[in-house]
Amino acid sequence: LAAGAINAALAVAAGAFGAHGLRDRLEKPMLDVFETGARYHLIHALG
């Protein structure tokens, strides 16, 4: 449960980092790859 909750927090942080910190630094295809990682991270943390 602790690992799941920590991973959910990390996934939210990754999503925010992707949306705000990487938007102007990554090309669109690589930003999409990062966002896919964050989305699956959050879904499976909740799992």
ModelCIF file with pLDDT and N, C-alpha, C, O atoms, coordinates in Angstrom:
data_MODEL
#
_entry.id   MODEL 
#
_entity.id                         1 
_entity.type                       polymer 
_entity.pdbx_number_of_molecules   1 
#
_entity_poly.entity_id                      1 
_entity_poly.type                           'polypeptide(L)' 
_entity_poly.nstd_linkage                   no 
_entity_poly.nstd_monomer                   no 
_entity_poly.pdbx_seq_one_letter_code       LAAGAINAALAVAAGAFGAHGLRDRLEKPMLDVFETGARYHLIHALG 
_entity_poly.pdbx_seq_one_letter_code_can   LAAGAINAALAVAAGAFGAHGLRDRLEKPMLDVFETGARYHLIHALG 
_entity_poly.pdbx_strand_id                 A 
#
loop_
_entity_poly_seq.entity_id 
_entity_poly_seq.num 
_entity_poly_seq.mon_id 
_entity_poly_seq.hetero 
1 1  LEU n 
1 2  ALA n 
1 3  ALA n 
1 4  GLY n 
1 5  ALA n 
1 6  ILE n 
1 7  ASN n 
1 8  ALA n 
1 9  ALA n 
1 10 LEU n 
1 11 ALA n 
1 12 VAL n 
1 13 ALA n 
1 14 ALA n 
1 15 GLY n 
1 16 ALA n 
1 17 PHE n 
1 18 GLY n 
1 19 ALA n 
1 20 HIS n 
1 21 GLY n 
1 22 LEU n 
1 23 ARG n 
1 24 ASP n 
1 25 ARG n 
1 26 LEU n 
1 27 GLU n 
1 28 LYS n 
1 29 PRO n 
1 30 MET n 
1 31 LEU n 
1 32 ASP n 
1 33 VAL n 
1 34 PHE n 
1 35 GLU n 
1 36 THR n 
1 37 GLY n 
1 38 ALA n 
1 39 ARG n 
1 40 TYR n 
1 41 HIS n 
1 42 LEU n 
1 43 ILE n 
1 44 HIS n 
1 45 ALA n 
1 46 LEU n 
1 47 GLY n 
#
_struct_asym.id          A 
_struct_asym.entity_id   1 
#
loop_
_ma_qa_metric.id 
_ma_qa_metric.mode 
_ma_qa_metric.name 
_ma_qa_metric.software_group_id 
_ma_qa_metric.type 
1 global pLDDT . pLDDT 
2 local  pLDDT . pLDDT 
#
_ma_qa_metric_global.metric_id      1 
_ma_qa_metric_global.metric_value   97.15 
_ma_qa_metric_global.model_id       1 
_ma_qa_metric_global.ordinal_id     1 
#
loop_
_ma_qa_metric_local.label_asym_id 
_ma_qa_metric_local.label_comp_id 
_ma_qa_metric_local.label_seq_id 
_ma_qa_metric_local.metric_id 
_ma_qa_metric_local.metric_value 
_ma_qa_metric_local.model_id 
_ma_qa_metric_local.ordinal_id 
A LEU 1  2 98.00 1 1  
A ALA 2  2 98.00 1 2  
A ALA 3  2 98.00 1 3  
A GLY 4  2 98.00 1 4  
A ALA 5  2 98.00 1 5  
A ILE 6  2 98.00 1 6  
A ASN 7  2 98.00 1 7  
A ALA 8  2 98.00 1 8  
A ALA 9  2 98.00 1 9  
A LEU 10 2 98.00 1 10 
A ALA 11 2 98.00 1 11 
A VAL 12 2 98.00 1 12 
A ALA 13 2 98.00 1 13 
A ALA 14 2 98.00 1 14 
A GLY 15 2 97.00 1 15 
A ALA 16 2 97.00 1 16 
A PHE 17 2 97.00 1 17 
A GLY 18 2 96.00 1 18 
A ALA 19 2 95.00 1 19 
A HIS 20 2 96.00 1 20 
A GLY 21 2 96.00 1 21 
A LEU 22 2 96.00 1 22 
A ARG 23 2 93.00 1 23 
A ASP 24 2 93.00 1 24 
A ARG 25 2 95.00 1 25 
A LEU 26 2 95.00 1 26 
A GLU 27 2 96.00 1 27 
A LYS 28 2 96.00 1 28 
A PRO 29 2 96.00 1 29 
A MET 30 2 97.00 1 30 
A LEU 31 2 97.00 1 31 
A ASP 32 2 97.00 1 32 
A VAL 33 2 97.00 1 33 
A PHE 34 2 98.00 1 34 
A GLU 35 2 98.00 1 35 
A THR 36 2 98.00 1 36 
A GLY 37 2 98.00 1 37 
A ALA 38 2 98.00 1 38 
A ARG 39 2 98.00 1 39 
A TYR 40 2 98.00 1 40 
A HIS 41 2 98.00 1 41 
A LEU 42 2 98.00 1 42 
A ILE 43 2 98.00 1 43 
A HIS 44 2 98.00 1 44 
A ALA 45 2 98.00 1 45 
A LEU 46 2 98.00 1 46 
A GLY 47 2 98.00 1 47 
#
loop_
_atom_site.group_PDB 
_atom_site.id 
_atom_site.type_symbol 
_atom_site.label_atom_id 
_atom_site.label_alt_id 
_atom_site.label_comp_id 
_atom_site.label_asym_id 
_atom_site.label_entity_id 
_atom_site.label_seq_id 
_atom_site.pdbx_PDB_ins_code 
_atom_site.Cartn_x 
_atom_site.Cartn_y 
_atom_site.Cartn_z 
_atom_site.occupancy 
_atom_site.B_iso_or_equiv 
_atom_site.pdbx_formal_charge 
_atom_site.auth_seq_id 
_atom_site.auth_comp_id 
_atom_site.auth_asym_id 
_atom_site.auth_atom_id 
_atom_site.pdbx_PDB_model_num 
ATOM 1   N N  . LEU A 1 1  ? 0.835  -1.207 0.000   1.00 98.00 ? 1  LEU A N  1 
ATOM 2   C CA . LEU A 1 1  ? 0.000  0.000  0.000   1.00 98.00 ? 1  LEU A CA 1 
ATOM 3   C C  . LEU A 1 1  ? 0.864  1.249  0.000   1.00 98.00 ? 1  LEU A C  1 
ATOM 4   O O  . LEU A 1 1  ? 0.589  2.198  -0.734  1.00 98.00 ? 1  LEU A O  1 
ATOM 5   N N  . ALA A 1 2  ? 1.904  1.253  0.818   1.00 98.00 ? 2  ALA A N  1 
ATOM 6   C CA . ALA A 1 2  ? 2.812  2.402  0.854   1.00 98.00 ? 2  ALA A CA 1 
ATOM 7   C C  . ALA A 1 2  ? 3.496  2.599  -0.497  1.00 98.00 ? 2  ALA A C  1 
ATOM 8   O O  . ALA A 1 2  ? 3.607  3.725  -0.982  1.00 98.00 ? 2  ALA A O  1 
ATOM 9   N N  . ALA A 1 3  ? 3.955  1.504  -1.101  1.00 98.00 ? 3  ALA A N  1 
ATOM 10  C CA . ALA A 1 3  ? 4.619  1.611  -2.411  1.00 98.00 ? 3  ALA A CA 1 
ATOM 11  C C  . ALA A 1 3  ? 3.643  2.110  -3.468  1.00 98.00 ? 3  ALA A C  1 
ATOM 12  O O  . ALA A 1 3  ? 4.019  2.900  -4.334  1.00 98.00 ? 3  ALA A O  1 
ATOM 13  N N  . GLY A 1 4  ? 2.391  1.655  -3.406  1.00 98.00 ? 4  GLY A N  1 
ATOM 14  C CA . GLY A 1 4  ? 1.388  2.128  -4.356  1.00 98.00 ? 4  GLY A CA 1 
ATOM 15  C C  . GLY A 1 4  ? 1.115  3.612  -4.195  1.00 98.00 ? 4  GLY A C  1 
ATOM 16  O O  . GLY A 1 4  ? 1.040  4.344  -5.181  1.00 98.00 ? 4  GLY A O  1 
ATOM 17  N N  . ALA A 1 5  ? 0.967  4.057  -2.954  1.00 98.00 ? 5  ALA A N  1 
ATOM 18  C CA . ALA A 1 5  ? 0.704  5.471  -2.693  1.00 98.00 ? 5  ALA A CA 1 
ATOM 19  C C  . ALA A 1 5  ? 1.888  6.342  -3.107  1.00 98.00 ? 5  ALA A C  1 
ATOM 20  O O  . ALA A 1 5  ? 1.700  7.405  -3.698  1.00 98.00 ? 5  ALA A O  1 
ATOM 21  N N  . ILE A 1 6  ? 3.092  5.899  -2.803  1.00 98.00 ? 6  ILE A N  1 
ATOM 22  C CA . ILE A 1 6  ? 4.283  6.655  -3.215  1.00 98.00 ? 6  ILE A CA 1 
ATOM 23  C C  . ILE A 1 6  ? 4.370  6.720  -4.735  1.00 98.00 ? 6  ILE A C  1 
ATOM 24  O O  . ILE A 1 6  ? 4.700  7.765  -5.296  1.00 98.00 ? 6  ILE A O  1 
ATOM 25  N N  . ASN A 1 7  ? 4.078  5.611  -5.398  1.00 98.00 ? 7  ASN A N  1 
ATOM 26  C CA . ASN A 1 7  ? 4.104  5.610  -6.858  1.00 98.00 ? 7  ASN A CA 1 
ATOM 27  C C  . ASN A 1 7  ? 3.025  6.505  -7.451  1.00 98.00 ? 7  ASN A C  1 
ATOM 28  O O  . ASN A 1 7  ? 3.250  7.134  -8.485  1.00 98.00 ? 7  ASN A O  1 
ATOM 29  N N  . ALA A 1 8  ? 1.863  6.574  -6.818  1.00 98.00 ? 8  ALA A N  1 
ATOM 30  C CA . ALA A 1 8  ? 0.825  7.491  -7.289  1.00 98.00 ? 8  ALA A CA 1 
ATOM 31  C C  . ALA A 1 8  ? 1.315  8.932  -7.187  1.00 98.00 ? 8  ALA A C  1 
ATOM 32  O O  . ALA A 1 8  ? 1.114  9.725  -8.106  1.00 98.00 ? 8  ALA A O  1 
ATOM 33  N N  . ALA A 1 9  ? 1.955  9.268  -6.076  1.00 98.00 ? 9  ALA A N  1 
ATOM 34  C CA . ALA A 1 9  ? 2.503  10.618 -5.912  1.00 98.00 ? 9  ALA A CA 1 
ATOM 35  C C  . ALA A 1 9  ? 3.585  10.900 -6.960  1.00 98.00 ? 9  ALA A C  1 
ATOM 36  O O  . ALA A 1 9  ? 3.627  11.983 -7.545  1.00 98.00 ? 9  ALA A O  1 
ATOM 37  N N  . LEU A 1 10 ? 4.452  9.920  -7.187  1.00 98.00 ? 10 LEU A N  1 
ATOM 38  C CA . LEU A 1 10 ? 5.503  10.094 -8.201  1.00 98.00 ? 10 LEU A CA 1 
ATOM 39  C C  . LEU A 1 10 ? 4.907  10.262 -9.597  1.00 98.00 ? 10 LEU A C  1 
ATOM 40  O O  . LEU A 1 10 ? 5.420  11.040 -10.401 1.00 98.00 ? 10 LEU A O  1 
ATOM 41  N N  . ALA A 1 11 ? 3.831  9.540  -9.887  1.00 98.00 ? 11 ALA A N  1 
ATOM 42  C CA . ALA A 1 11 ? 3.183  9.644  -11.194 1.00 98.00 ? 11 ALA A CA 1 
ATOM 43  C C  . ALA A 1 11 ? 2.564  11.025 -11.386 1.00 98.00 ? 11 ALA A C  1 
ATOM 44  O O  . ALA A 1 11 ? 2.646  11.600 -12.471 1.00 98.00 ? 11 ALA A O  1 
ATOM 45  N N  . VAL A 1 12 ? 1.945  11.557 -10.333 1.00 98.00 ? 12 VAL A N  1 
ATOM 46  C CA . VAL A 1 12 ? 1.386  12.910 -10.410 1.00 98.00 ? 12 VAL A CA 1 
ATOM 47  C C  . VAL A 1 12 ? 2.509  13.916 -10.638 1.00 98.00 ? 12 VAL A C  1 
ATOM 48  O O  . VAL A 1 12 ? 2.378  14.828 -11.454 1.00 98.00 ? 12 VAL A O  1 
ATOM 49  N N  . ALA A 1 13 ? 3.607  13.747 -9.917  1.00 98.00 ? 13 ALA A N  1 
ATOM 50  C CA . ALA A 1 13 ? 4.751  14.641 -10.092 1.00 98.00 ? 13 ALA A CA 1 
ATOM 51  C C  . ALA A 1 13 ? 5.311  14.531 -11.510 1.00 98.00 ? 13 ALA A C  1 
ATOM 52  O O  . ALA A 1 13 ? 5.648  15.546 -12.120 1.00 98.00 ? 13 ALA A O  1 
ATOM 53  N N  . ALA A 1 14 ? 5.414  13.317 -12.036 1.00 98.00 ? 14 ALA A N  1 
ATOM 54  C CA . ALA A 1 14 ? 5.911  13.127 -13.400 1.00 98.00 ? 14 ALA A CA 1 
ATOM 55  C C  . ALA A 1 14 ? 4.976  13.779 -14.403 1.00 98.00 ? 14 ALA A C  1 
ATOM 56  O O  . ALA A 1 14 ? 5.433  14.423 -15.348 1.00 98.00 ? 14 ALA A O  1 
ATOM 57  N N  . GLY A 1 15 ? 3.672  13.622 -14.211 1.00 97.00 ? 15 GLY A N  1 
ATOM 58  C CA . GLY A 1 15 ? 2.713  14.248 -15.114 1.00 97.00 ? 15 GLY A CA 1 
ATOM 59  C C  . GLY A 1 15 ? 2.818  15.760 -15.095 1.00 97.00 ? 15 GLY A C  1 
ATOM 60  O O  . GLY A 1 15 ? 2.775  16.403 -16.143 1.00 97.00 ? 15 GLY A O  1 
ATOM 61  N N  . ALA A 1 16 ? 2.955  16.326 -13.912 1.00 97.00 ? 16 ALA A N  1 
ATOM 62  C CA . ALA A 1 16 ? 3.105  17.777 -13.799 1.00 97.00 ? 16 ALA A CA 1 
ATOM 63  C C  . ALA A 1 16 ? 4.415  18.238 -14.422 1.00 97.00 ? 16 ALA A C  1 
ATOM 64  O O  . ALA A 1 16 ? 4.459  19.262 -15.104 1.00 97.00 ? 16 ALA A O  1 
ATOM 65  N N  . PHE A 1 17 ? 5.482  17.479 -14.185 1.00 97.00 ? 17 PHE A N  1 
ATOM 66  C CA . PHE A 1 17 ? 6.781  17.814 -14.772 1.00 97.00 ? 17 PHE A CA 1 
ATOM 67  C C  . PHE A 1 17 ? 6.699  17.783 -16.294 1.00 97.00 ? 17 PHE A C  1 
ATOM 68  O O  . PHE A 1 17 ? 7.229  18.665 -16.970 1.00 97.00 ? 17 PHE A O  1 
ATOM 69  N N  . GLY A 1 18 ? 6.033  16.765 -16.825 1.00 96.00 ? 18 GLY A N  1 
ATOM 70  C CA . GLY A 1 18 ? 5.878  16.667 -18.272 1.00 96.00 ? 18 GLY A CA 1 
ATOM 71  C C  . GLY A 1 18 ? 5.075  17.826 -18.836 1.00 96.00 ? 18 GLY A C  1 
ATOM 72  O O  . GLY A 1 18 ? 5.437  18.409 -19.858 1.00 96.00 ? 18 GLY A O  1 
ATOM 73  N N  . ALA A 1 19 ? 3.972  18.156 -18.155 1.00 95.00 ? 19 ALA A N  1 
ATOM 74  C CA . ALA A 1 19 ? 3.082  19.208 -18.653 1.00 95.00 ? 19 ALA A CA 1 
ATOM 75  C C  . ALA A 1 19 ? 3.678  20.598 -18.529 1.00 95.00 ? 19 ALA A C  1 
ATOM 76  O O  . ALA A 1 19 ? 3.436  21.457 -19.378 1.00 95.00 ? 19 ALA A O  1 
ATOM 77  N N  . HIS A 1 20 ? 4.459  20.827 -17.475 1.00 96.00 ? 20 HIS A N  1 
ATOM 78  C CA . HIS A 1 20 ? 4.950  22.183 -17.226 1.00 96.00 ? 20 HIS A CA 1 
ATOM 79  C C  . HIS A 1 20 ? 6.448  22.353 -17.437 1.00 96.00 ? 20 HIS A C  1 
ATOM 80  O O  . HIS A 1 20 ? 6.892  23.387 -17.934 1.00 96.00 ? 20 HIS A O  1 
ATOM 81  N N  . GLY A 1 21 ? 7.225  21.349 -17.065 1.00 96.00 ? 21 GLY A N  1 
ATOM 82  C CA . GLY A 1 21 ? 8.674  21.487 -17.149 1.00 96.00 ? 21 GLY A CA 1 
ATOM 83  C C  . GLY A 1 21 ? 9.277  21.046 -18.464 1.00 96.00 ? 21 GLY A C  1 
ATOM 84  O O  . GLY A 1 21 ? 10.368 21.482 -18.833 1.00 96.00 ? 21 GLY A O  1 
ATOM 85  N N  . LEU A 1 22 ? 8.565  20.175 -19.178 1.00 96.00 ? 22 LEU A N  1 
ATOM 86  C CA . LEU A 1 22 ? 9.144  19.629 -20.407 1.00 96.00 ? 22 LEU A CA 1 
ATOM 87  C C  . LEU A 1 22 ? 8.476  20.144 -21.676 1.00 96.00 ? 22 LEU A C  1 
ATOM 88  O O  . LEU A 1 22 ? 8.979  19.906 -22.774 1.00 96.00 ? 22 LEU A O  1 
ATOM 89  N N  . ARG A 1 23 ? 7.370  20.834 -21.548 1.00 93.00 ? 23 ARG A N  1 
ATOM 90  C CA . ARG A 1 23 ? 6.597  21.276 -22.715 1.00 93.00 ? 23 ARG A CA 1 
ATOM 91  C C  . ARG A 1 23 ? 7.461  22.013 -23.735 1.00 93.00 ? 23 ARG A C  1 
ATOM 92  O O  . ARG A 1 23 ? 7.324  21.788 -24.937 1.00 93.00 ? 23 ARG A O  1 
ATOM 93  N N  . ASP A 1 24 ? 8.334  22.877 -23.274 1.00 93.00 ? 24 ASP A N  1 
ATOM 94  C CA . ASP A 1 24 ? 9.173  23.658 -24.183 1.00 93.00 ? 24 ASP A CA 1 
ATOM 95  C C  . ASP A 1 24 ? 10.550 23.039 -24.418 1.00 93.00 ? 24 ASP A C  1 
ATOM 96  O O  . ASP A 1 24 ? 11.361 23.605 -25.150 1.00 93.00 ? 24 ASP A O  1 
ATOM 97  N N  . ARG A 1 25 ? 10.822 21.898 -23.814 1.00 95.00 ? 25 ARG A N  1 
ATOM 98  C CA . ARG A 1 25 ? 12.142 21.281 -23.921 1.00 95.00 ? 25 ARG A CA 1 
ATOM 99  C C  . ARG A 1 25 ? 12.166 20.023 -24.772 1.00 95.00 ? 25 ARG A C  1 
ATOM 100 O O  . ARG A 1 25 ? 13.215 19.646 -25.294 1.00 95.00 ? 25 ARG A O  1 
ATOM 101 N N  . LEU A 1 26 ? 11.025 19.375 -24.915 1.00 95.00 ? 26 LEU A N  1 
ATOM 102 C CA . LEU A 1 26 ? 10.965 18.140 -25.694 1.00 95.00 ? 26 LEU A CA 1 
ATOM 103 C C  . LEU A 1 26 ? 10.140 18.350 -26.952 1.00 95.00 ? 26 LEU A C  1 
ATOM 104 O O  . LEU A 1 26 ? 9.193  19.137 -26.979 1.00 95.00 ? 26 LEU A O  1 
ATOM 105 N N  . GLU A 1 27 ? 10.524 17.630 -27.983 1.00 96.00 ? 27 GLU A N  1 
ATOM 106 C CA . GLU A 1 27 ? 9.703  17.620 -29.185 1.00 96.00 ? 27 GLU A CA 1 
ATOM 107 C C  . GLU A 1 27 ? 8.402  16.908 -28.856 1.00 96.00 ? 27 GLU A C  1 
ATOM 108 O O  . GLU A 1 27 ? 8.361  16.077 -27.948 1.00 96.00 ? 27 GLU A O  1 
ATOM 109 N N  . LYS A 1 28 ? 7.343  17.226 -29.583 1.00 96.00 ? 28 LYS A N  1 
ATOM 110 C CA . LYS A 1 28 ? 6.010  16.683 -29.314 1.00 96.00 ? 28 LYS A CA 1 
ATOM 111 C C  . LYS A 1 28 ? 5.991  15.155 -29.219 1.00 96.00 ? 28 LYS A C  1 
ATOM 112 O O  . LYS A 1 28 ? 5.386  14.624 -28.288 1.00 96.00 ? 28 LYS A O  1 
ATOM 113 N N  . PRO A 1 29 ? 6.628  14.429 -30.140 1.00 96.00 ? 29 PRO A N  1 
ATOM 114 C CA . PRO A 1 29 ? 6.579  12.960 -30.004 1.00 96.00 ? 29 PRO A CA 1 
ATOM 115 C C  . PRO A 1 29 ? 7.201  12.453 -28.695 1.00 96.00 ? 29 PRO A C  1 
ATOM 116 O O  . PRO A 1 29 ? 6.681  11.515 -28.091 1.00 96.00 ? 29 PRO A O  1 
ATOM 117 N N  . MET A 1 30 ? 8.296  13.058 -28.257 1.00 97.00 ? 30 MET A N  1 
ATOM 118 C CA . MET A 1 30 ? 8.932  12.622 -27.011 1.00 97.00 ? 30 MET A CA 1 
ATOM 119 C C  . MET A 1 30 ? 8.121  13.068 -25.797 1.00 97.00 ? 30 MET A C  1 
ATOM 120 O O  . MET A 1 30 ? 8.106  12.374 -24.780 1.00 97.00 ? 30 MET A O  1 
ATOM 121 N N  . LEU A 1 31 ? 7.450  14.211 -25.886 1.00 97.00 ? 31 LEU A N  1 
ATOM 122 C CA . LEU A 1 31 ? 6.573  14.643 -24.807 1.00 97.00 ? 31 LEU A CA 1 
ATOM 123 C C  . LEU A 1 31 ? 5.401  13.665 -24.678 1.00 97.00 ? 31 LEU A C  1 
ATOM 124 O O  . LEU A 1 31 ? 4.982  13.339 -23.567 1.00 97.00 ? 31 LEU A O  1 
ATOM 125 N N  . ASP A 1 32 ? 4.877  13.202 -25.807 1.00 97.00 ? 32 ASP A N  1 
ATOM 126 C CA . ASP A 1 32 ? 3.808  12.200 -25.788 1.00 97.00 ? 32 ASP A CA 1 
ATOM 127 C C  . ASP A 1 32 ? 4.276  10.897 -25.147 1.00 97.00 ? 32 ASP A C  1 
ATOM 128 O O  . ASP A 1 32 ? 3.524  10.261 -24.408 1.00 97.00 ? 32 ASP A O  1 
ATOM 129 N N  . VAL A 1 33 ? 5.508  10.503 -25.427 1.00 97.00 ? 33 VAL A N  1 
ATOM 130 C CA . VAL A 1 33 ? 6.072  9.288  -24.823 1.00 97.00 ? 33 VAL A CA 1 
ATOM 131 C C  . VAL A 1 33 ? 6.146  9.456  -23.305 1.00 97.00 ? 33 VAL A C  1 
ATOM 132 O O  . VAL A 1 33 ? 5.770  8.553  -22.558 1.00 97.00 ? 33 VAL A O  1 
ATOM 133 N N  . PHE A 1 34 ? 6.627  10.606 -22.855 1.00 98.00 ? 34 PHE A N  1 
ATOM 134 C CA . PHE A 1 34 ? 6.736  10.869 -21.422 1.00 98.00 ? 34 PHE A CA 1 
ATOM 135 C C  . PHE A 1 34 ? 5.356  10.835 -20.768 1.00 98.00 ? 34 PHE A C  1 
ATOM 136 O O  . PHE A 1 34 ? 5.186  10.249 -19.699 1.00 98.00 ? 34 PHE A O  1 
ATOM 137 N N  . GLU A 1 35 ? 4.375  11.463 -21.412 1.00 98.00 ? 35 GLU A N  1 
ATOM 138 C CA . GLU A 1 35 ? 3.022  11.504 -20.865 1.00 98.00 ? 35 GLU A CA 1 
ATOM 139 C C  . GLU A 1 35 ? 2.394  10.106 -20.817 1.00 98.00 ? 35 GLU A C  1 
ATOM 140 O O  . GLU A 1 35 ? 1.643  9.795  -19.893 1.00 98.00 ? 35 GLU A O  1 
ATOM 141 N N  . THR A 1 36 ? 2.694  9.277  -21.793 1.00 98.00 ? 36 THR A N  1 
ATOM 142 C CA . THR A 1 36 ? 2.210  7.898  -21.759 1.00 98.00 ? 36 THR A CA 1 
ATOM 143 C C  . THR A 1 36 ? 2.791  7.169  -20.549 1.00 98.00 ? 36 THR A C  1 
ATOM 144 O O  . THR A 1 36 ? 2.081  6.444  -19.853 1.00 98.00 ? 36 THR A O  1 
ATOM 145 N N  . GLY A 1 37 ? 4.082  7.365  -20.306 1.00 98.00 ? 37 GLY A N  1 
ATOM 146 C CA . GLY A 1 37 ? 4.713  6.759  -19.129 1.00 98.00 ? 37 GLY A CA 1 
ATOM 147 C C  . GLY A 1 37 ? 4.042  7.204  -17.841 1.00 98.00 ? 37 GLY A C  1 
ATOM 148 O O  . GLY A 1 37 ? 3.787  6.385  -16.958 1.00 98.00 ? 37 GLY A O  1 
ATOM 149 N N  . ALA A 1 38 ? 3.752  8.504  -17.725 1.00 98.00 ? 38 ALA A N  1 
ATOM 150 C CA . ALA A 1 38 ? 3.127  9.028  -16.508 1.00 98.00 ? 38 ALA A CA 1 
ATOM 151 C C  . ALA A 1 38 ? 1.705  8.490  -16.346 1.00 98.00 ? 38 ALA A C  1 
ATOM 152 O O  . ALA A 1 38 ? 1.291  8.157  -15.235 1.00 98.00 ? 38 ALA A O  1 
ATOM 153 N N  . ARG A 1 39 ? 0.961  8.404  -17.446 1.00 98.00 ? 39 ARG A N  1 
ATOM 154 C CA . ARG A 1 39 ? -0.416 7.897  -17.380 1.00 98.00 ? 39 ARG A CA 1 
ATOM 155 C C  . ARG A 1 39 ? -0.448 6.440  -16.910 1.00 98.00 ? 39 ARG A C  1 
ATOM 156 O O  . ARG A 1 39 ? -1.209 6.085  -16.010 1.00 98.00 ? 39 ARG A O  1 
ATOM 157 N N  . TYR A 1 40 ? 0.381  5.610  -17.526 1.00 98.00 ? 40 TYR A N  1 
ATOM 158 C CA . TYR A 1 40 ? 0.422  4.197  -17.129 1.00 98.00 ? 40 TYR A CA 1 
ATOM 159 C C  . TYR A 1 40 ? 0.973  4.039  -15.714 1.00 98.00 ? 40 TYR A C  1 
ATOM 160 O O  . TYR A 1 40 ? 0.566  3.134  -14.986 1.00 98.00 ? 40 TYR A O  1 
ATOM 161 N N  . HIS A 1 41 ? 1.887  4.907  -15.329 1.00 98.00 ? 41 HIS A N  1 
ATOM 162 C CA . HIS A 1 41 ? 2.440  4.902  -13.981 1.00 98.00 ? 41 HIS A CA 1 
ATOM 163 C C  . HIS A 1 41 ? 1.311  5.110  -12.975 1.00 98.00 ? 41 HIS A C  1 
ATOM 164 O O  . HIS A 1 41 ? 1.191  4.355  -12.010 1.00 98.00 ? 41 HIS A O  1 
ATOM 165 N N  . LEU A 1 42 ? 0.482  6.133  -13.198 1.00 98.00 ? 42 LEU A N  1 
ATOM 166 C CA . LEU A 1 42 ? -0.597 6.436  -12.262 1.00 98.00 ? 42 LEU A CA 1 
ATOM 167 C C  . LEU A 1 42 ? -1.643 5.320  -12.223 1.00 98.00 ? 42 LEU A C  1 
ATOM 168 O O  . LEU A 1 42 ? -2.076 4.908  -11.147 1.00 98.00 ? 42 LEU A O  1 
ATOM 169 N N  . ILE A 1 43 ? -2.042 4.840  -13.380 1.00 98.00 ? 43 ILE A N  1 
ATOM 170 C CA . ILE A 1 43 ? -3.053 3.779  -13.427 1.00 98.00 ? 43 ILE A CA 1 
ATOM 171 C C  . ILE A 1 43 ? -2.591 2.561  -12.636 1.00 98.00 ? 43 ILE A C  1 
ATOM 172 O O  . ILE A 1 43 ? -3.359 1.979  -11.871 1.00 98.00 ? 43 ILE A O  1 
ATOM 173 N N  . HIS A 1 44 ? -1.341 2.186  -12.825 1.00 98.00 ? 44 HIS A N  1 
ATOM 174 C CA . HIS A 1 44 ? -0.863 0.966  -12.178 1.00 98.00 ? 44 HIS A CA 1 
ATOM 175 C C  . HIS A 1 44 ? -0.478 1.190  -10.720 1.00 98.00 ? 44 HIS A C  1 
ATOM 176 O O  . HIS A 1 44 ? -0.471 0.242  -9.935  1.00 98.00 ? 44 HIS A O  1 
ATOM 177 N N  . ALA A 1 45 ? -0.160 2.422  -10.346 1.00 98.00 ? 45 ALA A N  1 
ATOM 178 C CA . ALA A 1 45 ? 0.015  2.731  -8.922  1.00 98.00 ? 45 ALA A CA 1 
ATOM 179 C C  . ALA A 1 45 ? -1.313 2.552  -8.198  1.00 98.00 ? 45 ALA A C  1 
ATOM 180 O O  . ALA A 1 45 ? -1.352 2.009  -7.094  1.00 98.00 ? 45 ALA A O  1 
ATOM 181 N N  . LEU A 1 46 ? -2.391 3.001  -8.810  1.00 98.00 ? 46 LEU A N  1 
ATOM 182 C CA . LEU A 1 46 ? -3.710 2.794  -8.216  1.00 98.00 ? 46 LEU A CA 1 
ATOM 183 C C  . LEU A 1 46 ? -4.054 1.306  -8.175  1.00 98.00 ? 46 LEU A C  1 
ATOM 184 O O  . LEU A 1 46 ? -4.698 0.834  -7.238  1.00 98.00 ? 46 LEU A O  1 
ATOM 185 N N  . GLY A 1 47 ? -3.620 0.578  -9.198  1.00 98.00 ? 47 GLY A N  1 
ATOM 186 C CA . GLY A 1 47 ? -3.787 -0.877 -9.182  1.00 98.00 ? 47 GLY A CA 1 
ATOM 187 C C  . GLY A 1 47 ? -3.059 -1.507 -8.006  1.00 98.00 ? 47 GLY A C  1 
ATOM 188 O O  . GLY A 1 47 ? -3.095 -2.727 -7.840  1.00 98.00 ? 47 GLY A O  1 
#
